[in-house]
Amino acid sequence: LVLYVMVLAMGFLTLNTFLRFRSLEKKITDL
């Protein structure tokens, strides 16, 4: 159960990091 929850948490962190980087890339491009 702990492993399954950690897999879900890792997926969330990966998606969150991807979206943050994409937002930063757009800001850098505009700048």
Full PDB file with SEQRES, HELIX, SHEET, SSBOND, CRYST1, ORIGX, SCALE, CONECT and MASTER records, all heavy atoms in Angstrom:
SEQRES   1 A   31  LEU VAL LEU TYR VAL MET VAL LEU ALA MET GLY PHE LEU          
SEQRES   2 A   31  THR LEU ASN THR PHE LEU ARG PHE ARG SER LEU GLU LYS          
SEQRES   3 A   31  LYS ILE THR ASP LEU                                          
HELIX    1 AA1 VAL A    2  ASP A   30  1                                  29    
CRYST1    1.000    1.000    1.000  90.00  90.00  90.00 P 1           1          
ORIGX1      1.000000  0.000000  0.000000        0.00000                         
ORIGX2      0.000000  1.000000  0.000000        0.00000                         
ORIGX3      0.000000  0.000000  1.000000        0.00000                         
SCALE1      1.000000  0.000000  0.000000        0.00000                         
SCALE2      0.000000  1.000000  0.000000        0.00000                         
SCALE3      0.000000  0.000000  1.000000        0.00000                         
ATOM      1  N   LEU A   1       0.832  -1.202   0.000  1.00  0.00           N  
ATOM      2  CA  LEU A   1       0.000   0.000   0.000  1.00  0.00           C  
ATOM      3  C   LEU A   1       0.869   1.255   0.000  1.00  0.00           C  
ATOM      4  O   LEU A   1       0.607   2.203  -0.751  1.00  0.00           O  
ATOM      5  CB  LEU A   1      -0.938   0.007   1.216  1.00  0.00           C  
ATOM      6  CG  LEU A   1      -1.821   1.243   1.379  1.00  0.00           C  
ATOM      7  CD1 LEU A   1      -2.780   1.368   0.209  1.00  0.00           C  
ATOM      8  CD2 LEU A   1      -2.575   1.191   2.689  1.00  0.00           C  
ATOM      9  N   VAL A   2       1.897   1.256   0.819  1.00  0.00           N  
ATOM     10  CA  VAL A   2       2.812   2.405   0.859  1.00  0.00           C  
ATOM     11  C   VAL A   2       3.480   2.591  -0.500  1.00  0.00           C  
ATOM     12  O   VAL A   2       3.613   3.722  -0.995  1.00  0.00           O  
ATOM     13  CB  VAL A   2       3.853   2.227   1.985  1.00  0.00           C  
ATOM     14  CG1 VAL A   2       4.947   3.282   1.898  1.00  0.00           C  
ATOM     15  CG2 VAL A   2       3.177   2.276   3.343  1.00  0.00           C  
ATOM     16  N   LEU A   3       3.883   1.496  -1.135  1.00  0.00           N  
ATOM     17  CA  LEU A   3       4.498   1.582  -2.457  1.00  0.00           C  
ATOM     18  C   LEU A   3       3.533   2.182  -3.478  1.00  0.00           C  
ATOM     19  O   LEU A   3       3.912   3.056  -4.258  1.00  0.00           O  
ATOM     20  CB  LEU A   3       4.957   0.196  -2.924  1.00  0.00           C  
ATOM     21  CG  LEU A   3       5.542   0.141  -4.338  1.00  0.00           C  
ATOM     22  CD1 LEU A   3       6.855   0.892  -4.390  1.00  0.00           C  
ATOM     23  CD2 LEU A   3       5.713  -1.287  -4.785  1.00  0.00           C  
ATOM     24  N   TYR A   4       2.285   1.742  -3.481  1.00  0.00           N  
ATOM     25  CA  TYR A   4       1.301   2.273  -4.430  1.00  0.00           C  
ATOM     26  C   TYR A   4       1.063   3.762  -4.213  1.00  0.00           C  
ATOM     27  O   TYR A   4       0.969   4.530  -5.172  1.00  0.00           O  
ATOM     28  CB  TYR A   4      -0.020   1.516  -4.312  1.00  0.00           C  
ATOM     29  CG  TYR A   4       0.088   0.036  -4.608  1.00  0.00           C  
ATOM     30  CD1 TYR A   4      -0.801  -0.858  -4.038  1.00  0.00           C  
ATOM     31  CD2 TYR A   4       1.070  -0.471  -5.448  1.00  0.00           C  
ATOM     32  CE1 TYR A   4      -0.714  -2.216  -4.299  1.00  0.00           C  
ATOM     33  CE2 TYR A   4       1.164  -1.826  -5.709  1.00  0.00           C  
ATOM     34  CZ  TYR A   4       0.271  -2.694  -5.128  1.00  0.00           C  
ATOM     35  OH  TYR A   4       0.350  -4.034  -5.388  1.00  0.00           O  
ATOM     36  N   VAL A   5       0.987   4.156  -2.954  1.00  0.00           N  
ATOM     37  CA  VAL A   5       0.793   5.579  -2.658  1.00  0.00           C  
ATOM     38  C   VAL A   5       2.011   6.383  -3.105  1.00  0.00           C  
ATOM     39  O   VAL A   5       1.866   7.488  -3.651  1.00  0.00           O  
ATOM     40  CB  VAL A   5       0.497   5.780  -1.153  1.00  0.00           C  
ATOM     41  CG1 VAL A   5       0.543   7.247  -0.771  1.00  0.00           C  
ATOM     42  CG2 VAL A   5      -0.857   5.188  -0.794  1.00  0.00           C  
ATOM     43  N   MET A   6       3.192   5.840  -2.927  1.00  0.00           N  
ATOM     44  CA  MET A   6       4.397   6.551  -3.344  1.00  0.00           C  
ATOM     45  C   MET A   6       4.495   6.656  -4.869  1.00  0.00           C  
ATOM     46  O   MET A   6       4.989   7.660  -5.384  1.00  0.00           O  
ATOM     47  CB  MET A   6       5.651   5.872  -2.785  1.00  0.00           C  
ATOM     48  CG  MET A   6       5.746   5.930  -1.264  1.00  0.00           C  
ATOM     49  SD  MET A   6       5.540   7.574  -0.576  1.00  0.00           S  
ATOM     50  CE  MET A   6       7.001   8.376  -1.133  1.00  0.00           C  
ATOM     51  N   VAL A   7       4.018   5.658  -5.585  1.00  0.00           N  
ATOM     52  CA  VAL A   7       3.993   5.738  -7.046  1.00  0.00           C  
ATOM     53  C   VAL A   7       3.063   6.862  -7.495  1.00  0.00           C  
ATOM     54  O   VAL A   7       3.392   7.650  -8.394  1.00  0.00           O  
ATOM     55  CB  VAL A   7       3.572   4.384  -7.668  1.00  0.00           C  
ATOM     56  CG1 VAL A   7       3.228   4.530  -9.134  1.00  0.00           C  
ATOM     57  CG2 VAL A   7       4.684   3.359  -7.484  1.00  0.00           C  
ATOM     58  N   LEU A   8       1.901   6.953  -6.855  1.00  0.00           N  
ATOM     59  CA  LEU A   8       0.984   8.053  -7.176  1.00  0.00           C  
ATOM     60  C   LEU A   8       1.596   9.410  -6.831  1.00  0.00           C  
ATOM     61  O   LEU A   8       1.474  10.371  -7.607  1.00  0.00           O  
ATOM     62  CB  LEU A   8      -0.338   7.877  -6.432  1.00  0.00           C  
ATOM     63  CG  LEU A   8      -1.235   6.751  -6.929  1.00  0.00           C  
ATOM     64  CD1 LEU A   8      -2.447   6.609  -6.018  1.00  0.00           C  
ATOM     65  CD2 LEU A   8      -1.673   7.020  -8.354  1.00  0.00           C  
ATOM     66  N   ALA A   9       2.256   9.495  -5.690  1.00  0.00           N  
ATOM     67  CA  ALA A   9       2.895  10.755  -5.297  1.00  0.00           C  
ATOM     68  C   ALA A   9       4.001  11.130  -6.279  1.00  0.00           C  
ATOM     69  O   ALA A   9       4.153  12.299  -6.643  1.00  0.00           O  
ATOM     70  CB  ALA A   9       3.453  10.640  -3.883  1.00  0.00           C  
ATOM     71  N   MET A  10       4.759  10.150  -6.742  1.00  0.00           N  
ATOM     72  CA  MET A  10       5.827  10.426  -7.708  1.00  0.00           C  
ATOM     73  C   MET A  10       5.243  10.917  -9.032  1.00  0.00           C  
ATOM     74  O   MET A  10       5.792  11.826  -9.665  1.00  0.00           O  
ATOM     75  CB  MET A  10       6.670   9.163  -7.927  1.00  0.00           C  
ATOM     76  CG  MET A  10       7.890   9.398  -8.731  1.00  0.00           C  
ATOM     77  SD  MET A  10       8.984  10.504  -7.854  1.00  0.00           S  
ATOM     78  CE  MET A  10      10.246  10.707  -9.047  1.00  0.00           C  
ATOM     79  N   GLY A  11       4.135  10.328  -9.450  1.00  0.00           N  
ATOM     80  CA  GLY A  11       3.464  10.797 -10.660  1.00  0.00           C  
ATOM     81  C   GLY A  11       2.997  12.237 -10.507  1.00  0.00           C  
ATOM     82  O   GLY A  11       3.143  13.056 -11.422  1.00  0.00           O  
ATOM     83  N   PHE A  12       2.445  12.571  -9.346  1.00  0.00           N  
ATOM     84  CA  PHE A  12       2.013  13.939  -9.079  1.00  0.00           C  
ATOM     85  C   PHE A  12       3.196  14.894  -9.123  1.00  0.00           C  
ATOM     86  O   PHE A  12       3.119  15.963  -9.737  1.00  0.00           O  
ATOM     87  CB  PHE A  12       1.316  14.022  -7.717  1.00  0.00           C  
ATOM     88  CG  PHE A  12       1.075  15.423  -7.257  1.00  0.00           C  
ATOM     89  CD1 PHE A  12       0.045  16.167  -7.796  1.00  0.00           C  
ATOM     90  CD2 PHE A  12       1.895  15.997  -6.300  1.00  0.00           C  
ATOM     91  CE1 PHE A  12      -0.170  17.472  -7.382  1.00  0.00           C  
ATOM     92  CE2 PHE A  12       1.686  17.297  -5.888  1.00  0.00           C  
ATOM     93  CZ  PHE A  12       0.653  18.041  -6.424  1.00  0.00           C  
ATOM     94  N   LEU A  13       4.289  14.527  -8.482  1.00  0.00           N  
ATOM     95  CA  LEU A  13       5.470  15.393  -8.478  1.00  0.00           C  
ATOM     96  C   LEU A  13       6.039  15.586  -9.880  1.00  0.00           C  
ATOM     97  O   LEU A  13       6.461  16.682 -10.245  1.00  0.00           O  
ATOM     98  CB  LEU A  13       6.542  14.815  -7.555  1.00  0.00           C  
ATOM     99  CG  LEU A  13       6.237  14.883  -6.066  1.00  0.00           C  
ATOM    100  CD1 LEU A  13       7.287  14.128  -5.270  1.00  0.00           C  
ATOM    101  CD2 LEU A  13       6.144  16.314  -5.601  1.00  0.00           C  
ATOM    102  N   THR A  14       6.049  14.523 -10.665  1.00  0.00           N  
ATOM    103  CA  THR A  14       6.559  14.622 -12.033  1.00  0.00           C  
ATOM    104  C   THR A  14       5.693  15.561 -12.867  1.00  0.00           C  
ATOM    105  O   THR A  14       6.205  16.421 -13.591  1.00  0.00           O  
ATOM    106  CB  THR A  14       6.614  13.226 -12.679  1.00  0.00           C  
ATOM    107  OG1 THR A  14       7.427  12.379 -11.865  1.00  0.00           O  
ATOM    108  CG2 THR A  14       7.180  13.283 -14.084  1.00  0.00           C  
ATOM    109  N   LEU A  15       4.382  15.403 -12.771  1.00  0.00           N  
ATOM    110  CA  LEU A  15       3.475  16.276 -13.520  1.00  0.00           C  
ATOM    111  C   LEU A  15       3.600  17.719 -13.050  1.00  0.00           C  
ATOM    112  O   LEU A  15       3.647  18.648 -13.865  1.00  0.00           O  
ATOM    113  CB  LEU A  15       2.028  15.788 -13.363  1.00  0.00           C  
ATOM    114  CG  LEU A  15       0.970  16.630 -14.069  1.00  0.00           C  
ATOM    115  CD1 LEU A  15       1.181  16.581 -15.577  1.00  0.00           C  
ATOM    116  CD2 LEU A  15      -0.415  16.141 -13.710  1.00  0.00           C  
ATOM    117  N   ASN A  16       3.679  17.926 -11.752  1.00  0.00           N  
ATOM    118  CA  ASN A  16       3.808  19.274 -11.208  1.00  0.00           C  
ATOM    119  C   ASN A  16       5.100  19.936 -11.680  1.00  0.00           C  
ATOM    120  O   ASN A  16       5.104  21.102 -12.071  1.00  0.00           O  
ATOM    121  CB  ASN A  16       3.760  19.206  -9.677  1.00  0.00           C  
ATOM    122  CG  ASN A  16       3.646  20.565  -9.051  1.00  0.00           C  
ATOM    123  OD1 ASN A  16       3.041  21.467  -9.606  1.00  0.00           O  
ATOM    124  ND2 ASN A  16       4.236  20.716  -7.887  1.00  0.00           N  
ATOM    125  N   THR A  17       6.186  19.192 -11.679  1.00  0.00           N  
ATOM    126  CA  THR A  17       7.460  19.726 -12.138  1.00  0.00           C  
ATOM    127  C   THR A  17       7.421  20.040 -13.622  1.00  0.00           C  
ATOM    128  O   THR A  17       7.908  21.090 -14.063  1.00  0.00           O  
ATOM    129  CB  THR A  17       8.597  18.725 -11.840  1.00  0.00           C  
ATOM    130  OG1 THR A  17       8.605  18.459 -10.438  1.00  0.00           O  
ATOM    131  CG2 THR A  17       9.944  19.266 -12.266  1.00  0.00           C  
ATOM    132  N   PHE A  18       6.814  19.170 -14.408  1.00  0.00           N  
ATOM    133  CA  PHE A  18       6.695  19.411 -15.851  1.00  0.00           C  
ATOM    134  C   PHE A  18       5.902  20.689 -16.120  1.00  0.00           C  
ATOM    135  O   PHE A  18       6.309  21.520 -16.932  1.00  0.00           O  
ATOM    136  CB  PHE A  18       6.002  18.219 -16.528  1.00  0.00           C  
ATOM    137  CG  PHE A  18       5.587  18.499 -17.944  1.00  0.00           C  
ATOM    138  CD1 PHE A  18       6.530  18.550 -18.958  1.00  0.00           C  
ATOM    139  CD2 PHE A  18       4.258  18.710 -18.258  1.00  0.00           C  
ATOM    140  CE1 PHE A  18       6.150  18.816 -20.261  1.00  0.00           C  
ATOM    141  CE2 PHE A  18       3.877  18.973 -19.552  1.00  0.00           C  
ATOM    142  CZ  PHE A  18       4.823  19.034 -20.558  1.00  0.00           C  
ATOM    143  N   LEU A  19       4.768  20.854 -15.435  1.00  0.00           N  
ATOM    144  CA  LEU A  19       3.949  22.044 -15.652  1.00  0.00           C  
ATOM    145  C   LEU A  19       4.678  23.308 -15.201  1.00  0.00           C  
ATOM    146  O   LEU A  19       4.576  24.353 -15.850  1.00  0.00           O  
ATOM    147  CB  LEU A  19       2.616  21.902 -14.916  1.00  0.00           C  
ATOM    148  CG  LEU A  19       1.693  20.808 -15.448  1.00  0.00           C  
ATOM    149  CD1 LEU A  19       0.453  20.675 -14.574  1.00  0.00           C  
ATOM    150  CD2 LEU A  19       1.304  21.075 -16.894  1.00  0.00           C  
ATOM    151  N   ARG A  20       5.429  23.232 -14.112  1.00  0.00           N  
ATOM    152  CA  ARG A  20       6.182  24.400 -13.647  1.00  0.00           C  
ATOM    153  C   ARG A  20       7.270  24.765 -14.655  1.00  0.00           C  
ATOM    154  O   ARG A  20       7.466  25.941 -14.964  1.00  0.00           O  
ATOM    155  CB  ARG A  20       6.797  24.124 -12.290  1.00  0.00           C  
ATOM    156  CG  ARG A  20       7.475  25.367 -11.718  1.00  0.00           C  
ATOM    157  CD  ARG A  20       8.066  25.135 -10.354  1.00  0.00           C  
ATOM    158  NE  ARG A  20       7.078  24.625  -9.438  1.00  0.00           N  
ATOM    159  CZ  ARG A  20       7.358  23.799  -8.435  1.00  0.00           C  
ATOM    160  NH1 ARG A  20       8.600  23.415  -8.229  1.00  0.00           N  
ATOM    161  NH2 ARG A  20       6.421  23.376  -7.634  1.00  0.00           N  
ATOM    162  N   PHE A  21       8.002  23.781 -15.173  1.00  0.00           N  
ATOM    163  CA  PHE A  21       9.042  24.062 -16.164  1.00  0.00           C  
ATOM    164  C   PHE A  21       8.447  24.652 -17.433  1.00  0.00           C  
ATOM    165  O   PHE A  21       9.019  25.564 -18.025  1.00  0.00           O  
ATOM    166  CB  PHE A  21       9.844  22.804 -16.493  1.00  0.00           C  
ATOM    167  CG  PHE A  21      10.883  22.463 -15.483  1.00  0.00           C  
ATOM    168  CD1 PHE A  21      11.366  21.179 -15.377  1.00  0.00           C  
ATOM    169  CD2 PHE A  21      11.393  23.409 -14.609  1.00  0.00           C  
ATOM    170  CE1 PHE A  21      12.326  20.847 -14.439  1.00  0.00           C  
ATOM    171  CE2 PHE A  21      12.355  23.098 -13.669  1.00  0.00           C  
ATOM    172  CZ  PHE A  21      12.819  21.806 -13.591  1.00  0.00           C  
ATOM    173  N   ARG A  22       7.311  24.122 -17.865  1.00  0.00           N  
ATOM    174  CA  ARG A  22       6.674  24.654 -19.066  1.00  0.00           C  
ATOM    175  C   ARG A  22       6.269  26.111 -18.858  1.00  0.00           C  
ATOM    176  O   ARG A  22       6.450  26.947 -19.744  1.00  0.00           O  
ATOM    177  CB  ARG A  22       5.462  23.801 -19.441  1.00  0.00           C  
ATOM    178  CG  ARG A  22       4.919  24.137 -20.821  1.00  0.00           C  
ATOM    179  CD  ARG A  22       3.922  23.147 -21.294  1.00  0.00           C  
ATOM    180  NE  ARG A  22       2.701  23.288 -20.510  1.00  0.00           N  
ATOM    181  CZ  ARG A  22       1.595  22.626 -20.741  1.00  0.00           C  
ATOM    182  NH1 ARG A  22       1.559  21.726 -21.700  1.00  0.00           N  
ATOM    183  NH2 ARG A  22       0.524  22.807 -20.009  1.00  0.00           N  
ATOM    184  N   SER A  23       5.754  26.434 -17.683  1.00  0.00           N  
ATOM    185  CA  SER A  23       5.385  27.809 -17.374  1.00  0.00           C  
ATOM    186  C   SER A  23       6.620  28.711 -17.349  1.00  0.00           C  
ATOM    187  O   SER A  23       6.596  29.830 -17.889  1.00  0.00           O  
ATOM    188  CB  SER A  23       4.669  27.856 -16.025  1.00  0.00           C  
ATOM    189  OG  SER A  23       4.455  29.174 -15.621  1.00  0.00           O  
ATOM    190  N   LEU A  24       7.698  28.232 -16.760  1.00  0.00           N  
ATOM    191  CA  LEU A  24       8.929  29.023 -16.721  1.00  0.00           C  
ATOM    192  C   LEU A  24       9.513  29.219 -18.113  1.00  0.00           C  
ATOM    193  O   LEU A  24      10.024  30.302 -18.428  1.00  0.00           O  
ATOM    194  CB  LEU A  24       9.957  28.356 -15.814  1.00  0.00           C  
ATOM    195  CG  LEU A  24       9.664  28.438 -14.319  1.00  0.00           C  
ATOM    196  CD1 LEU A  24      10.686  27.611 -13.534  1.00  0.00           C  
ATOM    197  CD2 LEU A  24       9.653  29.864 -13.842  1.00  0.00           C  
ATOM    198  N   GLU A  25       9.447  28.199 -18.960  1.00  0.00           N  
ATOM    199  CA  GLU A  25       9.944  28.340 -20.329  1.00  0.00           C  
ATOM    200  C   GLU A  25       9.166  29.397 -21.090  1.00  0.00           C  
ATOM    201  O   GLU A  25       9.738  30.186 -21.841  1.00  0.00           O  
ATOM    202  CB  GLU A  25       9.866  27.004 -21.065  1.00  0.00           C  
ATOM    203  CG  GLU A  25      10.934  26.023 -20.649  1.00  0.00           C  
ATOM    204  CD  GLU A  25      10.765  24.669 -21.310  1.00  0.00           C  
ATOM    205  OE1 GLU A  25       9.732  24.438 -21.990  1.00  0.00           O  
ATOM    206  OE2 GLU A  25      11.656  23.825 -21.147  1.00  0.00           O  
ATOM    207  N   LYS A  26       7.855  29.441 -20.886  1.00  0.00           N  
ATOM    208  CA  LYS A  26       7.033  30.460 -21.547  1.00  0.00           C  
ATOM    209  C   LYS A  26       7.402  31.848 -21.048  1.00  0.00           C  
ATOM    210  O   LYS A  26       7.528  32.786 -21.840  1.00  0.00           O  
ATOM    211  CB  LYS A  26       5.552  30.192 -21.310  1.00  0.00           C  
ATOM    212  CG  LYS A  26       4.654  31.160 -22.056  1.00  0.00           C  
ATOM    213  CD  LYS A  26       3.207  30.925 -21.751  1.00  0.00           C  
ATOM    214  CE  LYS A  26       2.282  31.870 -22.461  1.00  0.00           C  
ATOM    215  NZ  LYS A  26       2.742  33.220 -22.659  1.00  0.00           N  
ATOM    216  N   LYS A  27       7.618  31.990 -19.744  1.00  0.00           N  
ATOM    217  CA  LYS A  27       8.002  33.292 -19.197  1.00  0.00           C  
ATOM    218  C   LYS A  27       9.361  33.726 -19.726  1.00  0.00           C  
ATOM    219  O   LYS A  27       9.561  34.898 -20.061  1.00  0.00           O  
ATOM    220  CB  LYS A  27       8.031  33.238 -17.671  1.00  0.00           C  
ATOM    221  CG  LYS A  27       6.659  33.168 -17.050  1.00  0.00           C  
ATOM    222  CD  LYS A  27       6.746  33.050 -15.540  1.00  0.00           C  
ATOM    223  CE  LYS A  27       5.362  32.899 -14.933  1.00  0.00           C  
ATOM    224  NZ  LYS A  27       5.422  32.723 -13.469  1.00  0.00           N  
ATOM    225  N   ILE A  28      10.297  32.795 -19.811  1.00  0.00           N  
ATOM    226  CA  ILE A  28      11.626  33.129 -20.324  1.00  0.00           C  
ATOM    227  C   ILE A  28      11.546  33.516 -21.797  1.00  0.00           C  
ATOM    228  O   ILE A  28      12.211  34.462 -22.238  1.00  0.00           O  
ATOM    229  CB  ILE A  28      12.605  31.954 -20.104  1.00  0.00           C  
ATOM    230  CG1 ILE A  28      12.914  31.822 -18.617  1.00  0.00           C  
ATOM    231  CG2 ILE A  28      13.881  32.133 -20.905  1.00  0.00           C  
ATOM    232  CD1 ILE A  28      13.689  30.577 -18.255  1.00  0.00           C  
ATOM    233  N   THR A  29      10.727  32.821 -22.568  1.00  0.00           N  
ATOM    234  CA  THR A  29      10.558  33.157 -23.982  1.00  0.00           C  
ATOM    235  C   THR A  29       9.981  34.558 -24.137  1.00  0.00           C  
ATOM    236  O   THR A  29      10.464  35.360 -24.950  1.00  0.00           O  
ATOM    237  CB  THR A  29       9.648  32.130 -24.672  1.00  0.00           C  
ATOM    238  OG1 THR A  29      10.242  30.835 -24.541  1.00  0.00           O  
ATOM    239  CG2 THR A  29       9.457  32.454 -26.130  1.00  0.00           C  
ATOM    240  N   ASP A  30       8.954  34.880 -23.354  1.00  0.00           N  
ATOM    241  CA  ASP A  30       8.364  36.216 -23.418  1.00  0.00           C  
ATOM    242  C   ASP A  30       9.377  37.280 -23.016  1.00  0.00           C  
ATOM    243  O   ASP A  30       9.464  38.351 -23.629  1.00  0.00           O  
ATOM    244  CB  ASP A  30       7.131  36.302 -22.517  1.00  0.00           C  
ATOM    245  CG  ASP A  30       5.978  35.451 -23.023  1.00  0.00           C  
ATOM    246  OD1 ASP A  30       5.999  35.057 -24.207  1.00  0.00           O  
ATOM    247  OD2 ASP A  30       5.050  35.181 -22.222  1.00  0.00           O  
ATOM    248  N   LEU A  31      10.163  37.000 -21.984  1.00  0.00           N  
ATOM    249  CA  LEU A  31      11.187  37.944 -21.544  1.00  0.00           C  
ATOM    250  C   LEU A  31      12.250  38.138 -22.623  1.00  0.00           C  
ATOM    251  O   LEU A  31      12.671  39.270 -22.885  1.00  0.00           O  
ATOM    252  CB  LEU A  31      11.830  37.444 -20.250  1.00  0.00           C  
ATOM    253  CG  LEU A  31      12.924  38.323 -19.655  1.00  0.00           C  
ATOM    254  CD1 LEU A  31      12.374  39.671 -19.267  1.00  0.00           C  
ATOM    255  CD2 LEU A  31      13.539  37.630 -18.456  1.00  0.00           C  
TER     256      LEU A  31                                                      
MASTER        0    0    0    1    0    0    0    6  255    1    0    3          
END                                                                             
